[in-house]
Amino acid sequence: MKKIIISFIGFVSILGLSAQETYTLKSCLETGLEQNYSIRMVRNEEQISKNNATLANAGYLPTLDLSARYSGSLNDTENKIRETNETTKTNGVYDQTLNAGLDLNWTIFDGFKIQANYKRLKELERQGETTTRLAIEDFIAELTAEYYNYIQQQIRLKNFRYAMSLSKERLRIVEERYIVGNFSRLDLQQARVDYNADRAQYMKQQEAVETSRIRLNELMGYNDMSQRVHTTDSVIDLNTLLSYDELWKATLNNNASLLKSEQNKTLAALDMKSVKSRNYPYLKLNTGYGYTLNKYEISSTSRRSNWGLNVGVTMGINLFDGNRKRELKNARIAIENARLEQEELTQALQADLSTLWHAYQNNMKMLKLERENLIAAVENHEIASERYMLGNLSGIEMREAQKSLLDAEERILSVEYDTKICEISLLQLSGGITNYLK
């Protein structure tokens, strides 16, 4: 019966573990891109720019209005007949007019301003896509960094748990030897202090793990912050195949900020074209079809109604408006600023890439050195443990060997995470951050 109960408990445990969702970096990113509030709002803004890029919004299409108007006038009139010089007066004469009809207005040509407006709207649509891409790349970089921070915090928690277990074992040994008189009360108290310090450090690290887990849930758009996060990755995997020349070439071709600066140049040139369009003549067509009714109270005609079509063409040119010269100067300055902004951004990207590349290379060298140090620290701890068990090593020296091992593990973990952050930043600059989705 006991075996059956144990088997049942084991089966339930397996079901519980399988019911918990396990996340890869890709699944975290996909969930976040679908549910994160900031990304959803940016995509809505992109849709607005797409909705605006229409022929009608640019002015290509005519406008058609249906209107009706009623008016009346109440007057006191005085009429003098020329032949007889007879004067007649009428008070309270009420005349009425009713108009109803369709009016069509169409700007056929206005100096290429309509074409410039349409190109500008299409460029703003493309810029909306670029803005969305920038937001997505920033989000991928942020979530990827937090994903590996979560792994880092979990590894650090395991290291502290191991350090606490070592301190607990040391305390057990000291307590046993204190009872038989091999260790002093000072040794016992020191072992207990060290164990409690390791427990406090472990509890503090549990808080860091929880903070990172909550941040991951927030980035993935979960409303339930208590959602557990179980990752398939247990180590920080590094990309050691990056090349500076390839990264710089990719940055010039794919960087979203650089692409947006090029679009700003195009928009500035279109603004200039829009201002210049006022130097050309304009041609407008207007036509309408409607009904007019007039009612006269004292005229020889009591009422008059008309059904009819009217057509008109307007052609003209603006000779002077007082602002054109100023606007042309400002448009040229805007084009120059857009060019300077692009050059400054290119320089800043090169500086950032160089800085990150040197940090990436230096971290890789440090990682190799720290891994060698860890091997030495592990061996040193093993030797110290053997000597401590034989009574040839003091508790303080044993604690120092344990601290050296923990410090070596901590330095490796920190360097690995710093290297990963450099890798993420380099890929973000070069437009390759979406590789984490593959």
Protein backbone atom coordinates (compact mmCIF):
# COMPACT_ATOMS: atom_id res chain seq x y z
CA MET A 1 0.00 0.00 0.00
CA LYS A 2 2.85 2.35 0.86
CA LYS A 3 4.48 1.75 -2.56
CA ILE A 4 1.20 2.58 -4.29
CA ILE A 5 0.91 5.88 -2.39
CA ILE A 6 4.51 6.82 -3.20
CA SER A 7 3.96 5.98 -6.88
CA PHE A 8 0.77 8.08 -6.93
CA ILE A 9 2.54 11.05 -5.36
CA GLY A 10 5.34 10.75 -7.91
CA PHE A 11 2.81 10.60 -10.74
CA VAL A 12 1.04 13.72 -9.47
CA SER A 13 4.37 15.53 -9.16
CA ILE A 14 5.25 14.69 -12.75
CA LEU A 15 1.85 15.98 -13.91
CA GLY A 16 2.39 19.20 -11.95
CA LEU A 17 5.78 19.79 -13.54
CA SER A 18 4.47 19.08 -17.02
CA ALA A 19 1.57 21.50 -16.45
CA GLN A 20 4.01 24.34 -15.76
CA GLU A 21 4.84 26.21 -18.94
CA THR A 22 8.52 26.23 -19.83
CA TYR A 23 9.88 29.25 -21.69
CA THR A 24 12.63 29.59 -24.24
CA LEU A 25 13.98 32.99 -25.19
CA LYS A 26 12.05 32.75 -28.46
CA SER A 27 8.74 31.97 -26.74
CA CYS A 28 9.25 34.84 -24.29
CA LEU A 29 9.88 37.24 -27.18
CA GLU A 30 6.90 35.99 -29.18
CA THR A 31 4.61 36.33 -26.16
CA GLY A 32 5.91 39.81 -25.39
CA LEU A 33 5.60 41.04 -28.98
CA GLU A 34 2.00 39.88 -29.00
CA GLN A 35 0.89 41.08 -25.56
CA ASN A 36 3.17 43.95 -24.44
CA TYR A 37 1.16 47.16 -24.13
CA SER A 38 3.85 49.49 -25.49
CA ILE A 39 4.33 47.38 -28.61
CA ARG A 40 0.59 47.22 -29.22
CA MET A 41 0.31 51.02 -28.96
CA VAL A 42 3.22 51.56 -31.36
CA ARG A 43 1.57 49.24 -33.87
CA ASN A 44 -1.65 51.23 -33.56
CA GLU A 45 0.31 54.42 -34.32
CA GLU A 46 1.75 52.69 -37.38
CA GLN A 47 -1.77 51.82 -38.53
CA ILE A 48 -2.76 55.48 -38.22
CA SER A 49 0.08 56.50 -40.55
CA LYS A 50 -1.05 53.83 -43.03
CA ASN A 51 -4.64 55.08 -42.85
CA ASN A 52 -3.43 58.62 -43.59
CA ALA A 53 -1.50 57.66 -46.75
CA THR A 54 -4.43 57.94 -49.17
CA LEU A 55 -5.08 59.84 -52.40
CA ALA A 56 -8.00 61.67 -50.81
CA ASN A 57 -5.89 62.88 -47.85
CA ALA A 58 -3.27 64.18 -50.28
CA GLY A 59 -5.88 66.15 -52.26
CA TYR A 60 -6.01 64.09 -55.45
CA LEU A 61 -9.76 63.45 -55.27
CA PRO A 62 -12.60 65.97 -55.63
CA THR A 63 -14.99 66.88 -52.84
CA LEU A 64 -18.77 66.55 -53.24
CA ASP A 65 -21.13 68.46 -50.93
CA LEU A 66 -24.89 68.30 -50.56
CA SER A 67 -26.27 71.52 -49.12
CA ALA A 68 -29.55 73.33 -48.59
CA ARG A 69 -30.22 76.90 -47.54
CA TYR A 70 -33.27 78.91 -46.67
CA SER A 71 -33.33 82.68 -46.24
CA GLY A 72 -36.00 85.28 -45.79
CA SER A 73 -36.08 89.06 -45.65
CA LEU A 74 -38.65 91.31 -44.00
CA ASN A 75 -38.64 94.90 -45.33
CA ASP A 76 -40.69 98.07 -45.51
CA THR A 77 -40.67 99.13 -49.19
CA GLU A 78 -41.38 102.40 -50.97
CA ASN A 79 -41.88 102.49 -54.76
CA LYS A 80 -42.15 105.69 -56.87
CA ILE A 81 -43.65 105.37 -60.35
CA ARG A 82 -41.66 107.48 -62.84
CA GLU A 83 -44.59 108.46 -65.11
CA THR A 84 -46.99 109.60 -62.41
CA ASN A 85 -44.60 110.34 -59.55
CA GLU A 86 -47.00 108.35 -57.44
CA THR A 87 -45.44 106.80 -54.37
CA THR A 88 -46.63 103.60 -52.78
CA LYS A 89 -45.50 102.26 -49.44
CA THR A 90 -45.77 98.68 -48.24
CA ASN A 91 -44.77 97.57 -44.78
CA GLY A 92 -43.78 94.09 -43.72
CA VAL A 93 -42.83 92.69 -47.13
CA TYR A 94 -41.51 89.14 -46.60
CA ASP A 95 -39.50 87.62 -49.49
CA GLN A 96 -38.17 84.04 -49.29
CA THR A 97 -35.38 82.07 -51.01
CA LEU A 98 -34.70 78.32 -50.90
CA ASN A 99 -31.55 76.70 -52.38
CA ALA A 100 -30.66 72.99 -52.49
CA GLY A 101 -28.11 71.15 -54.59
CA LEU A 102 -24.89 69.22 -55.12
CA ASP A 103 -21.53 71.00 -55.40
CA LEU A 104 -18.34 69.37 -56.69
CA ASN A 105 -14.94 71.04 -56.25
CA TRP A 106 -11.72 69.61 -57.66
CA THR A 107 -8.21 71.01 -57.61
CA ILE A 108 -6.76 69.72 -60.87
CA PHE A 109 -3.31 71.31 -60.55
CA ASP A 110 -1.63 73.37 -57.85
CA GLY A 111 2.02 73.35 -58.80
CA PHE A 112 2.80 69.73 -57.85
CA LYS A 113 1.79 70.33 -54.22
CA ILE A 114 -0.69 67.45 -54.29
CA GLN A 115 1.97 65.06 -55.61
CA ALA A 116 4.39 66.24 -52.92
CA ASN A 117 1.73 65.76 -50.23
CA TYR A 118 1.03 62.21 -51.37
CA LYS A 119 4.74 61.31 -51.42
CA ARG A 120 5.07 62.84 -47.97
CA LEU A 121 2.18 60.74 -46.62
CA LYS A 122 3.71 57.58 -48.11
CA GLU A 123 7.08 58.49 -46.58
CA LEU A 124 5.40 59.04 -43.20
CA GLU A 125 3.83 55.61 -43.61
CA ARG A 126 7.27 54.10 -44.15
CA GLN A 127 8.59 56.08 -41.19
CA GLY A 128 5.76 54.67 -39.08
CA GLU A 129 6.97 51.20 -40.00
CA THR A 130 10.52 52.20 -39.09
CA THR A 131 9.35 53.60 -35.74
CA THR A 132 7.59 50.31 -35.03
CA ARG A 133 10.75 48.43 -35.98
CA LEU A 134 12.79 50.60 -33.61
CA ALA A 135 10.35 49.93 -30.77
CA ILE A 136 10.39 46.19 -31.48
CA GLU A 137 14.20 46.08 -31.58
CA ASP A 138 14.43 48.01 -28.31
CA PHE A 139 11.89 45.64 -26.78
CA ILE A 140 13.72 42.52 -27.97
CA ALA A 141 16.98 43.87 -26.55
CA GLU A 142 15.34 44.74 -23.21
CA LEU A 143 13.52 41.43 -22.83
CA THR A 144 16.56 39.39 -23.93
CA ALA A 145 18.72 41.19 -21.37
CA GLU A 146 16.11 40.54 -18.66
CA TYR A 147 15.79 36.88 -19.71
CA TYR A 148 19.51 36.32 -19.23
CA ASN A 149 19.47 38.42 -16.06
CA TYR A 150 16.86 36.01 -14.72
CA ILE A 151 19.15 33.09 -15.60
CA GLN A 152 22.06 34.95 -13.98
CA GLN A 153 20.08 35.51 -10.78
CA GLN A 154 19.04 31.84 -10.67
CA ILE A 155 22.65 30.68 -11.11
CA ARG A 156 23.72 33.09 -8.37
CA LEU A 157 20.97 31.65 -6.15
CA LYS A 158 22.35 28.13 -6.73
CA ASN A 159 25.84 29.35 -5.86
CA PHE A 160 24.60 30.91 -2.62
CA ARG A 161 22.64 27.75 -1.83
CA TYR A 162 25.82 25.73 -2.30
CA ALA A 163 27.79 28.16 -0.12
CA MET A 164 25.09 27.90 2.55
CA SER A 165 25.26 24.09 2.43
CA LEU A 166 29.04 24.24 2.90
CA SER A 167 28.63 26.57 5.87
CA LYS A 168 25.95 24.30 7.31
CA GLU A 169 28.20 21.26 7.01
CA ARG A 170 31.07 23.17 8.61
CA LEU A 171 28.77 24.19 11.48
CA ARG A 172 27.77 20.55 11.97
CA ILE A 173 31.39 19.44 12.12
CA VAL A 174 32.30 22.21 14.56
CA GLU A 175 29.33 21.36 16.82
CA GLU A 176 30.32 17.70 16.96
CA ARG A 177 33.96 18.51 17.70
CA TYR A 178 32.99 21.17 20.21
CA ILE A 179 31.05 18.53 22.15
CA VAL A 180 34.12 16.25 22.34
CA GLY A 181 36.37 19.21 23.13
CA ASN A 182 38.35 19.46 19.88
CA PHE A 183 37.05 22.96 19.05
CA SER A 184 36.58 26.02 21.23
CA ARG A 185 33.37 27.97 21.72
CA LEU A 186 34.92 30.73 19.59
CA ASP A 187 35.19 28.30 16.65
CA LEU A 188 31.55 27.31 17.18
CA GLN A 189 30.29 30.89 17.30
CA GLN A 190 32.34 31.85 14.21
CA ALA A 191 30.93 28.90 12.25
CA ARG A 192 27.39 29.86 13.31
CA VAL A 193 27.94 33.53 12.32
CA ASP A 194 29.25 32.49 8.90
CA TYR A 195 26.31 30.14 8.36
CA ASN A 196 23.77 32.82 9.29
CA ALA A 197 25.51 35.31 6.99
CA ASP A 198 25.27 32.84 4.09
CA ARG A 199 21.59 32.22 4.88
CA ALA A 200 20.90 35.98 4.83
CA GLN A 201 22.73 36.31 1.51
CA TYR A 202 20.70 33.44 0.09
CA MET A 203 17.42 35.00 1.24
CA LYS A 204 18.43 38.34 -0.29
CA GLN A 205 19.20 36.59 -3.58
CA GLN A 206 15.74 34.98 -3.55
CA GLU A 207 14.36 38.53 -3.63
CA ALA A 208 16.52 39.37 -6.66
CA VAL A 209 15.22 36.29 -8.50
CA GLU A 210 11.62 37.27 -7.75
CA THR A 211 12.22 40.84 -8.92
CA SER A 212 13.59 39.60 -12.24
CA ARG A 213 10.71 37.12 -12.63
CA ILE A 214 8.13 39.88 -12.08
CA ARG A 215 9.90 42.10 -14.60
CA LEU A 216 9.78 39.30 -17.18
CA ASN A 217 6.04 38.89 -16.61
CA GLU A 218 5.57 42.63 -17.03
CA LEU A 219 7.52 42.69 -20.31
CA MET A 220 5.56 39.71 -21.64
CA GLY A 221 2.32 41.55 -20.93
CA TYR A 222 0.94 39.25 -18.23
CA ASN A 223 -1.53 40.84 -15.84
CA ASP A 224 -0.84 38.15 -13.24
CA MET A 225 2.54 39.03 -11.73
CA SER A 226 2.57 35.73 -9.82
CA GLN A 227 3.00 33.80 -13.08
CA ARG A 228 5.89 31.36 -12.65
CA VAL A 229 8.68 31.47 -15.22
CA HIS A 230 10.62 28.28 -15.96
CA THR A 231 13.35 28.68 -18.57
CA THR A 232 14.87 25.94 -20.70
CA ASP A 233 18.23 27.71 -20.55
CA SER A 234 20.26 27.23 -17.39
CA VAL A 235 23.47 28.92 -18.56
CA ILE A 236 24.27 32.17 -20.36
CA ASP A 237 25.02 31.12 -23.93
CA LEU A 238 27.49 33.46 -25.68
CA ASN A 239 27.97 34.17 -29.38
CA THR A 240 31.72 34.05 -29.97
CA LEU A 241 31.56 34.41 -33.78
CA LEU A 242 30.90 38.14 -34.08
CA SER A 243 33.04 40.16 -36.51
CA TYR A 244 33.59 43.92 -36.27
CA ASP A 245 33.74 44.47 -40.05
CA GLU A 246 30.53 42.54 -40.63
CA LEU A 247 28.81 44.35 -37.76
CA TRP A 248 29.78 47.80 -39.12
CA LYS A 249 28.69 46.92 -42.65
CA ALA A 250 25.36 45.65 -41.31
CA THR A 251 24.96 48.81 -39.21
CA LEU A 252 25.30 51.06 -42.26
CA ASN A 253 22.79 48.95 -44.20
CA ASN A 254 20.27 47.91 -41.54
CA ASN A 255 20.34 50.25 -38.55
CA ALA A 256 16.77 51.48 -37.99
CA SER A 257 17.79 54.88 -36.59
CA LEU A 258 19.98 55.50 -39.63
CA LEU A 259 17.10 54.51 -41.89
CA LYS A 260 14.81 56.91 -40.06
CA SER A 261 17.31 59.75 -40.51
CA GLU A 262 17.33 59.06 -44.27
CA GLN A 263 13.54 59.28 -44.24
CA ASN A 264 13.78 62.61 -42.42
CA LYS A 265 15.97 63.89 -45.28
CA THR A 266 13.35 62.79 -47.79
CA LEU A 267 10.59 64.53 -45.81
CA ALA A 268 12.62 67.75 -45.67
CA ALA A 269 13.10 67.65 -49.47
CA LEU A 270 9.35 67.13 -49.97
CA ASP A 271 8.59 70.09 -47.71
CA MET A 272 10.84 72.19 -49.97
CA LYS A 273 8.95 70.94 -53.03
CA SER A 274 5.65 71.84 -51.39
CA VAL A 275 6.83 75.42 -50.77
CA LYS A 276 8.12 75.76 -54.35
CA SER A 277 4.77 74.61 -55.72
CA ARG A 278 3.37 78.05 -54.90
CA ASN A 279 5.46 79.48 -57.75
CA TYR A 280 3.26 77.64 -60.25
CA PRO A 281 -0.30 78.48 -61.35
CA TYR A 282 -3.27 76.57 -60.01
CA LEU A 283 -6.31 75.19 -61.81
CA LYS A 284 -9.58 74.36 -60.04
CA LEU A 285 -12.86 72.97 -61.32
CA ASN A 286 -16.20 73.50 -59.64
CA THR A 287 -19.60 72.31 -60.75
CA GLY A 288 -23.01 71.86 -59.20
CA TYR A 289 -26.60 70.90 -59.82
CA GLY A 290 -29.41 72.26 -57.72
CA TYR A 291 -32.81 73.78 -57.18
CA THR A 292 -33.61 77.39 -56.33
CA LEU A 293 -37.00 78.77 -55.24
CA ASN A 294 -37.76 82.47 -54.75
CA LYS A 295 -41.03 83.83 -53.35
CA TYR A 296 -41.92 87.54 -53.73
CA GLU A 297 -44.74 89.11 -51.79
CA ILE A 298 -45.38 92.31 -53.85
CA SER A 299 -43.56 91.69 -57.15
CA SER A 300 -45.41 91.12 -60.37
CA THR A 301 -44.02 87.59 -60.15
CA SER A 302 -45.10 85.80 -56.99
CA ARG A 303 -42.62 82.93 -57.23
CA ARG A 304 -39.76 81.68 -59.39
CA SER A 305 -38.05 78.28 -59.36
CA ASN A 306 -34.95 77.00 -61.21
CA TRP A 307 -33.44 73.58 -61.81
CA GLY A 308 -29.97 73.78 -63.30
CA LEU A 309 -26.35 72.82 -63.78
CA ASN A 310 -23.50 75.21 -63.23
CA VAL A 311 -19.88 74.75 -64.22
CA GLY A 312 -16.87 76.90 -63.50
CA VAL A 313 -13.12 76.79 -63.97
CA THR A 314 -10.71 78.90 -61.93
CA MET A 315 -7.13 79.50 -62.98
CA GLY A 316 -4.70 81.74 -61.18
CA ILE A 317 -1.24 82.25 -59.75
CA ASN A 318 -0.13 83.66 -56.44
CA LEU A 319 2.12 86.61 -57.18
CA PHE A 320 3.08 87.56 -53.65
CA ASP A 321 2.21 86.34 -50.15
CA GLY A 322 5.04 87.78 -48.05
CA ASN A 323 6.12 84.44 -46.56
CA ARG A 324 7.39 82.39 -49.48
CA LYS A 325 10.97 83.63 -49.39
CA ARG A 326 11.22 83.01 -45.64
CA GLU A 327 9.73 79.52 -45.95
CA LEU A 328 12.15 78.61 -48.76
CA LYS A 329 15.11 79.66 -46.60
CA ASN A 330 13.81 77.62 -43.67
CA ALA A 331 13.19 74.60 -45.92
CA ARG A 332 16.80 74.72 -47.17
CA ILE A 333 18.03 74.92 -43.56
CA ALA A 334 15.83 71.94 -42.63
CA ILE A 335 17.38 69.90 -45.46
CA GLU A 336 20.87 70.83 -44.28
CA ASN A 337 20.00 69.92 -40.69
CA ALA A 338 18.63 66.56 -41.80
CA ARG A 339 21.91 65.87 -43.60
CA LEU A 340 23.98 66.91 -40.58
CA GLU A 341 21.79 64.83 -38.29
CA GLN A 342 22.42 61.75 -40.44
CA GLU A 343 26.18 62.34 -40.45
CA GLU A 344 26.21 62.89 -36.67
CA LEU A 345 24.19 59.71 -36.14
CA THR A 346 26.60 57.73 -38.33
CA GLN A 347 29.51 59.03 -36.27
CA ALA A 348 27.73 58.20 -32.99
CA LEU A 349 26.91 54.69 -34.22
CA GLN A 350 30.54 54.09 -35.15
CA ALA A 351 31.66 55.31 -31.72
CA ASP A 352 29.10 53.13 -29.93
CA LEU A 353 29.98 50.09 -32.02
CA SER A 354 33.72 50.56 -31.37
CA THR A 355 33.16 51.00 -27.63
CA LEU A 356 30.93 47.93 -27.38
CA TRP A 357 33.28 45.87 -29.55
CA HIS A 358 36.28 46.63 -27.31
CA ALA A 359 34.22 45.82 -24.21
CA TYR A 360 33.04 42.58 -25.85
CA GLN A 361 36.59 41.51 -26.72
CA ASN A 362 37.92 42.47 -23.28
CA ASN A 363 35.14 40.54 -21.55
CA MET A 364 35.92 37.46 -23.64
CA LYS A 365 39.55 37.63 -22.48
CA MET A 366 38.48 38.18 -18.87
CA LEU A 367 36.12 35.22 -19.11
CA LYS A 368 38.95 32.94 -20.17
CA LEU A 369 41.07 34.17 -17.25
CA GLU A 370 38.25 33.81 -14.71
CA ARG A 371 37.53 30.27 -15.83
CA GLU A 372 41.18 29.41 -15.15
CA ASN A 373 40.85 31.09 -11.75
CA LEU A 374 37.76 29.02 -10.98
CA ILE A 375 39.65 25.78 -11.60
CA ALA A 376 42.32 26.94 -9.15
CA ALA A 377 39.70 28.08 -6.61
CA VAL A 378 37.90 24.70 -6.75
CA GLU A 379 41.16 22.84 -6.21
CA ASN A 380 42.12 25.22 -3.40
CA HIS A 381 38.77 24.62 -1.69
CA GLU A 382 39.09 20.85 -1.97
CA ILE A 383 42.56 20.95 -0.39
CA ALA A 384 41.33 23.28 2.35
CA SER A 385 38.38 20.98 3.09
CA GLU A 386 40.67 17.96 3.47
CA ARG A 387 43.01 19.84 5.79
CA TYR A 388 40.06 21.21 7.77
CA MET A 389 38.67 17.71 8.28
CA LEU A 390 42.07 16.62 9.58
CA GLY A 391 42.21 19.59 11.94
CA ASN A 392 45.19 21.18 10.18
CA LEU A 393 43.32 24.30 9.07
CA SER A 394 41.55 26.96 11.12
CA GLY A 395 37.93 27.96 10.62
CA ILE A 396 38.96 31.42 9.39
CA GLU A 397 41.24 29.91 6.74
CA MET A 398 38.49 27.49 5.71
CA ARG A 399 36.07 30.38 5.40
CA GLU A 400 38.58 32.27 3.26
CA ALA A 401 38.92 29.32 0.87
CA GLN A 402 35.12 29.07 0.64
CA LYS A 403 34.84 32.82 -0.03
CA SER A 404 37.50 32.62 -2.74
CA LEU A 405 35.49 29.90 -4.49
CA LEU A 406 32.26 31.88 -4.30
CA ASP A 407 34.00 35.05 -5.51
CA ALA A 408 35.47 33.18 -8.50
CA GLU A 409 32.03 31.85 -9.43
CA GLU A 410 30.52 35.30 -9.02
CA ARG A 411 33.15 36.96 -11.23
CA ILE A 412 32.58 34.41 -14.02
CA LEU A 413 28.83 34.95 -13.81
CA SER A 414 29.20 38.74 -13.94
CA VAL A 415 31.60 38.63 -16.89
CA GLU A 416 29.33 36.21 -18.78
CA TYR A 417 26.34 38.51 -18.30
CA ASP A 418 28.34 41.64 -19.23
CA THR A 419 29.54 39.88 -22.39
CA LYS A 420 25.95 38.93 -23.23
CA ILE A 421 24.83 42.54 -22.81
CA CYS A 422 27.61 43.65 -25.19
CA GLU A 423 26.49 40.99 -27.68
CA ILE A 424 22.86 42.14 -27.46
CA SER A 425 23.85 45.79 -27.93
CA LEU A 426 26.10 44.99 -30.91
CA LEU A 427 23.32 43.05 -32.63
CA GLN A 428 20.85 45.83 -31.89
CA LEU A 429 23.12 48.46 -33.48
CA SER A 430 23.70 46.30 -36.56
CA GLY A 431 20.01 45.52 -37.02
CA GLY A 432 20.45 41.81 -36.24
CA ILE A 433 18.65 41.74 -32.89
CA THR A 434 15.73 39.84 -34.44
CA ASN A 435 18.04 36.82 -34.78
CA TYR A 436 16.96 35.95 -31.23
CA LEU A 437 13.51 35.18 -32.66
CA LYS A 438 14.90 32.43 -34.88
